[in-house]
Amino acid sequence: MAVIMDDVRMLVVGALQLGSRTQEWDASTALLGAIPELDSMAVTNLIAALEEHFGFSIADDEIGASTFATLGSLSEFVEQKLGA
């Protein structure tokens, strides 16, 4: 999971243009509601980046706010998609 979490962290940084602020992020780092840059448009861009990077599609009904609660929850979602 560490490799996937590193990739997800990289995609979040790129989509939100956060620079080096994320060096210390771990699975418990809050995302949605904690990072002002993570607005609805950024979520859409991040979903597109996840789909492109990992090579899967995300249907609207399989993702929700809880997916973006923490870096860990987003990474777990990606792991589940890759395992499906």
N, C-alpha and C. Protein backbone atom coordinates (compact mmCIF):
# COMPACT_ATOMS: atom_id res chain seq x y z
N MET A 1 0.82 -1.20 0.00
CA MET A 1 0.00 0.00 0.00
C MET A 1 0.86 1.26 0.00
N ALA A 2 2.08 1.17 0.53
CA ALA A 2 2.94 2.35 0.61
C ALA A 2 3.24 2.93 -0.77
N VAL A 3 3.45 2.05 -1.74
CA VAL A 3 3.74 2.53 -3.09
C VAL A 3 2.52 3.23 -3.67
N ILE A 4 1.36 2.63 -3.49
CA ILE A 4 0.13 3.25 -3.99
C ILE A 4 -0.10 4.58 -3.28
N MET A 5 0.10 4.62 -1.96
CA MET A 5 -0.11 5.86 -1.24
C MET A 5 0.85 6.95 -1.73
N ASP A 6 2.08 6.58 -2.04
CA ASP A 6 3.04 7.55 -2.58
C ASP A 6 2.55 8.09 -3.92
N ASP A 7 2.03 7.20 -4.77
CA ASP A 7 1.50 7.63 -6.07
C ASP A 7 0.29 8.54 -5.88
N VAL A 8 -0.61 8.17 -4.97
CA VAL A 8 -1.80 8.98 -4.71
C VAL A 8 -1.38 10.34 -4.16
N ARG A 9 -0.43 10.37 -3.24
CA ARG A 9 0.07 11.64 -2.70
C ARG A 9 0.60 12.52 -3.83
N MET A 10 1.38 11.92 -4.74
CA MET A 10 1.94 12.65 -5.87
C MET A 10 0.83 13.24 -6.75
N LEU A 11 -0.22 12.46 -6.98
CA LEU A 11 -1.33 12.93 -7.82
C LEU A 11 -2.10 14.05 -7.13
N VAL A 12 -2.29 13.94 -5.81
CA VAL A 12 -2.96 15.01 -5.05
C VAL A 12 -2.14 16.30 -5.14
N VAL A 13 -0.84 16.17 -4.93
CA VAL A 13 0.06 17.34 -5.00
C VAL A 13 -0.04 17.99 -6.38
N GLY A 14 -0.02 17.17 -7.42
CA GLY A 14 -0.09 17.70 -8.78
C GLY A 14 -1.42 18.35 -9.09
N ALA A 15 -2.50 17.69 -8.73
CA ALA A 15 -3.84 18.21 -9.03
C ALA A 15 -4.13 19.50 -8.27
N LEU A 16 -3.62 19.59 -7.04
CA LEU A 16 -3.91 20.76 -6.21
C LEU A 16 -2.78 21.79 -6.20
N GLN A 17 -1.68 21.45 -6.87
CA GLN A 17 -0.51 22.33 -6.94
C GLN A 17 -0.07 22.77 -5.54
N LEU A 18 0.19 21.78 -4.69
CA LEU A 18 0.52 22.04 -3.29
C LEU A 18 2.01 22.17 -3.03
N GLY A 19 2.85 21.86 -3.98
CA GLY A 19 4.28 21.97 -3.78
C GLY A 19 4.78 20.96 -2.76
N SER A 20 5.68 21.39 -1.88
CA SER A 20 6.32 20.46 -0.94
C SER A 20 5.61 20.38 0.41
N ARG A 21 4.43 20.95 0.54
CA ARG A 21 3.71 20.93 1.82
C ARG A 21 3.32 19.53 2.25
N THR A 22 3.41 18.58 1.39
CA THR A 22 2.87 17.24 1.66
C THR A 22 3.92 16.22 2.07
N GLN A 23 5.13 16.64 2.28
CA GLN A 23 6.22 15.71 2.61
C GLN A 23 5.90 14.82 3.81
N GLU A 24 5.21 15.34 4.79
CA GLU A 24 4.97 14.61 6.04
C GLU A 24 3.60 13.94 6.08
N TRP A 25 2.88 13.95 4.98
CA TRP A 25 1.55 13.34 4.95
C TRP A 25 1.65 11.84 5.17
N ASP A 26 0.67 11.30 5.91
CA ASP A 26 0.56 9.85 6.06
C ASP A 26 -0.90 9.46 5.85
N ALA A 27 -1.24 8.22 6.15
CA ALA A 27 -2.58 7.70 5.88
C ALA A 27 -3.67 8.48 6.63
N SER A 28 -3.33 9.06 7.77
CA SER A 28 -4.34 9.77 8.56
C SER A 28 -4.49 11.24 8.19
N THR A 29 -3.73 11.72 7.22
CA THR A 29 -3.81 13.12 6.83
C THR A 29 -5.18 13.42 6.22
N ALA A 30 -5.89 14.37 6.82
CA ALA A 30 -7.23 14.76 6.34
C ALA A 30 -7.11 15.51 5.02
N LEU A 31 -8.01 15.21 4.12
CA LEU A 31 -8.02 15.87 2.81
C LEU A 31 -9.25 16.77 2.69
N LEU A 32 -10.41 16.17 2.40
CA LEU A 32 -11.63 16.93 2.14
C LEU A 32 -12.04 17.70 3.39
N GLY A 33 -12.17 18.99 3.27
CA GLY A 33 -12.53 19.84 4.40
C GLY A 33 -11.32 20.39 5.15
N ALA A 34 -10.16 19.80 4.93
CA ALA A 34 -8.95 20.24 5.63
C ALA A 34 -8.00 21.00 4.71
N ILE A 35 -8.13 20.78 3.42
CA ILE A 35 -7.26 21.44 2.45
C ILE A 35 -8.13 22.36 1.59
N PRO A 36 -7.97 23.67 1.75
CA PRO A 36 -8.83 24.62 1.02
C PRO A 36 -8.79 24.42 -0.50
N GLU A 37 -7.67 23.98 -1.02
CA GLU A 37 -7.53 23.80 -2.47
C GLU A 37 -8.38 22.63 -3.00
N LEU A 38 -8.82 21.74 -2.11
CA LEU A 38 -9.59 20.57 -2.54
C LEU A 38 -11.07 20.93 -2.61
N ASP A 39 -11.42 21.66 -3.65
CA ASP A 39 -12.81 22.03 -3.89
C ASP A 39 -13.40 21.08 -4.93
N SER A 40 -14.63 21.32 -5.34
CA SER A 40 -15.31 20.39 -6.26
C SER A 40 -14.58 20.27 -7.59
N MET A 41 -14.03 21.36 -8.09
CA MET A 41 -13.30 21.30 -9.36
C MET A 41 -12.01 20.50 -9.18
N ALA A 42 -11.34 20.68 -8.07
CA ALA A 42 -10.11 19.93 -7.81
C ALA A 42 -10.40 18.44 -7.65
N VAL A 43 -11.53 18.10 -7.03
CA VAL A 43 -11.91 16.69 -6.91
C VAL A 43 -12.09 16.08 -8.29
N THR A 44 -12.74 16.80 -9.18
CA THR A 44 -12.94 16.32 -10.55
C THR A 44 -11.60 16.11 -11.25
N ASN A 45 -10.69 17.07 -11.10
CA ASN A 45 -9.36 16.94 -11.70
C ASN A 45 -8.59 15.77 -11.09
N LEU A 46 -8.72 15.59 -9.79
CA LEU A 46 -8.02 14.49 -9.12
C LEU A 46 -8.56 13.14 -9.56
N ILE A 47 -9.87 13.02 -9.72
CA ILE A 47 -10.46 11.78 -10.22
C ILE A 47 -9.90 11.46 -11.61
N ALA A 48 -9.84 12.47 -12.47
CA ALA A 48 -9.30 12.26 -13.82
C ALA A 48 -7.84 11.83 -13.76
N ALA A 49 -7.07 12.43 -12.86
CA ALA A 49 -5.65 12.07 -12.72
C ALA A 49 -5.50 10.64 -12.22
N LEU A 50 -6.34 10.23 -11.27
CA LEU A 50 -6.31 8.85 -10.76
C LEU A 50 -6.63 7.87 -11.87
N GLU A 51 -7.67 8.17 -12.65
CA GLU A 51 -8.07 7.29 -13.75
C GLU A 51 -6.95 7.15 -14.77
N GLU A 52 -6.34 8.26 -15.12
CA GLU A 52 -5.27 8.22 -16.13
C GLU A 52 -4.04 7.49 -15.61
N HIS A 53 -3.62 7.81 -14.40
CA HIS A 53 -2.40 7.23 -13.84
C HIS A 53 -2.52 5.72 -13.60
N PHE A 54 -3.66 5.30 -13.03
CA PHE A 54 -3.81 3.89 -12.66
C PHE A 54 -4.52 3.06 -13.72
N GLY A 55 -5.09 3.70 -14.75
CA GLY A 55 -5.69 2.97 -15.85
C GLY A 55 -7.02 2.32 -15.55
N PHE A 56 -7.83 2.96 -14.71
CA PHE A 56 -9.18 2.46 -14.46
C PHE A 56 -10.18 3.60 -14.60
N SER A 57 -11.47 3.24 -14.63
CA SER A 57 -12.54 4.23 -14.69
C SER A 57 -13.27 4.24 -13.37
N ILE A 58 -13.74 5.42 -12.97
CA ILE A 58 -14.48 5.58 -11.72
C ILE A 58 -15.87 6.07 -12.07
N ALA A 59 -16.87 5.26 -11.72
CA ALA A 59 -18.26 5.65 -11.93
C ALA A 59 -18.71 6.60 -10.81
N ASP A 60 -19.62 7.50 -11.15
CA ASP A 60 -20.10 8.48 -10.17
C ASP A 60 -20.64 7.85 -8.90
N ASP A 61 -21.28 6.68 -9.04
CA ASP A 61 -21.93 6.08 -7.87
C ASP A 61 -20.99 5.24 -7.01
N GLU A 62 -19.72 5.14 -7.37
CA GLU A 62 -18.79 4.34 -6.55
C GLU A 62 -17.82 5.20 -5.76
N ILE A 63 -18.01 6.50 -5.80
CA ILE A 63 -17.11 7.39 -5.07
C ILE A 63 -17.93 8.46 -4.36
N GLY A 64 -17.49 8.80 -3.15
CA GLY A 64 -18.20 9.81 -2.37
C GLY A 64 -17.24 10.59 -1.51
N ALA A 65 -17.79 11.45 -0.68
CA ALA A 65 -16.97 12.31 0.18
C ALA A 65 -16.07 11.48 1.10
N SER A 66 -16.57 10.34 1.57
CA SER A 66 -15.76 9.52 2.49
C SER A 66 -14.49 9.00 1.82
N THR A 67 -14.52 8.84 0.50
CA THR A 67 -13.34 8.40 -0.24
C THR A 67 -12.22 9.42 -0.10
N PHE A 68 -12.58 10.69 -0.03
CA PHE A 68 -11.61 11.78 0.03
C PHE A 68 -11.37 12.27 1.46
N ALA A 69 -11.80 11.51 2.47
CA ALA A 69 -11.65 11.93 3.86
C ALA A 69 -10.18 12.07 4.26
N THR A 70 -9.39 11.06 3.92
CA THR A 70 -7.97 11.06 4.27
C THR A 70 -7.14 10.53 3.10
N LEU A 71 -5.86 10.73 3.19
CA LEU A 71 -4.97 10.15 2.18
C LEU A 71 -5.09 8.63 2.20
N GLY A 72 -5.25 8.06 3.39
CA GLY A 72 -5.41 6.61 3.51
C GLY A 72 -6.69 6.10 2.86
N SER A 73 -7.81 6.80 3.07
CA SER A 73 -9.08 6.34 2.48
C SER A 73 -9.03 6.44 0.96
N LEU A 74 -8.38 7.46 0.43
CA LEU A 74 -8.26 7.59 -1.02
C LEU A 74 -7.34 6.50 -1.57
N SER A 75 -6.27 6.21 -0.85
CA SER A 75 -5.36 5.14 -1.27
C SER A 75 -6.04 3.77 -1.22
N GLU A 76 -6.85 3.54 -0.20
CA GLU A 76 -7.59 2.27 -0.10
C GLU A 76 -8.57 2.13 -1.25
N PHE A 77 -9.22 3.20 -1.63
CA PHE A 77 -10.14 3.17 -2.78
C PHE A 77 -9.38 2.75 -4.02
N VAL A 78 -8.21 3.34 -4.24
CA VAL A 78 -7.39 3.01 -5.42
C VAL A 78 -6.98 1.53 -5.36
N GLU A 79 -6.56 1.06 -4.21
CA GLU A 79 -6.19 -0.36 -4.07
C GLU A 79 -7.36 -1.26 -4.43
N GLN A 80 -8.56 -0.92 -3.97
CA GLN A 80 -9.73 -1.74 -4.28
C GLN A 80 -10.02 -1.73 -5.77
N LYS A 81 -9.88 -0.57 -6.40
CA LYS A 81 -10.10 -0.48 -7.85
C LYS A 81 -9.07 -1.33 -8.61
N LEU A 82 -7.85 -1.32 -8.15
CA LEU A 82 -6.81 -2.08 -8.84
C LEU A 82 -7.00 -3.58 -8.63
N GLY A 83 -7.59 -3.96 -7.51
CA GLY A 83 -7.81 -5.37 -7.22
C GLY A 83 -9.07 -5.93 -7.85
N ALA A 84 -9.96 -5.04 -8.32
CA ALA A 84 -11.25 -5.49 -8.87
C ALA A 84 -11.09 -6.05 -10.26
